[in-house]
Structures are given as structure tokens and as C-alpha cells.
Amino acid sequence: MTQLPDRVQRYSEFTPDNDPYSERDFDAFDHAGVRFFWKIDYFDRSLTFGSEDPADPARTTRVLTLMKAEEY
């Protein structure tokens, strides 16, 4: 399963249909016959609220959620 985070990191199949706001923070892919969803959320440094400035790494903690689509 260590291949899955690497697959998210290398993901580049964004289109206007699957990423209409050019956020590049969600999509899905198939791996070994299983469908996976992934999502990146941007929190403040305390992980309490959404980041006020997601582009600023000094103010933002990014969290990756990766899950089997069937578990959604």
C-alpha cells in the first residue's frame, strides 16, 4: 500500500471536468482493481480550523485523506 501516496503525489490527470476550480485537491484512481478517492484539506497549524491562507506553508498544515471508494 505504500505505492498509493506516491500515486497521489504523481497524479496529473486533472481536467476541467474533474477539477473545475483548478484546486487539484481531490480525485480518484484505480489501483490493483480497487477504486480509491483522495482529498487534500488545508488546516491552520493547530488543525482546528481551515487555513486562512492555504498557499502559505507557515500558516497551513495539509492533510491527505486516501480511502477506498467503497468505504465512502
Foldseek 3Di string as FASTA:
>chain_A
DVVVVVCLVPDDPDDCVQCVPPPSFWDWDDDPNFIKIKGKFWPFPVNPGGFPDSVDPVGTDIDMDMDTPVVD
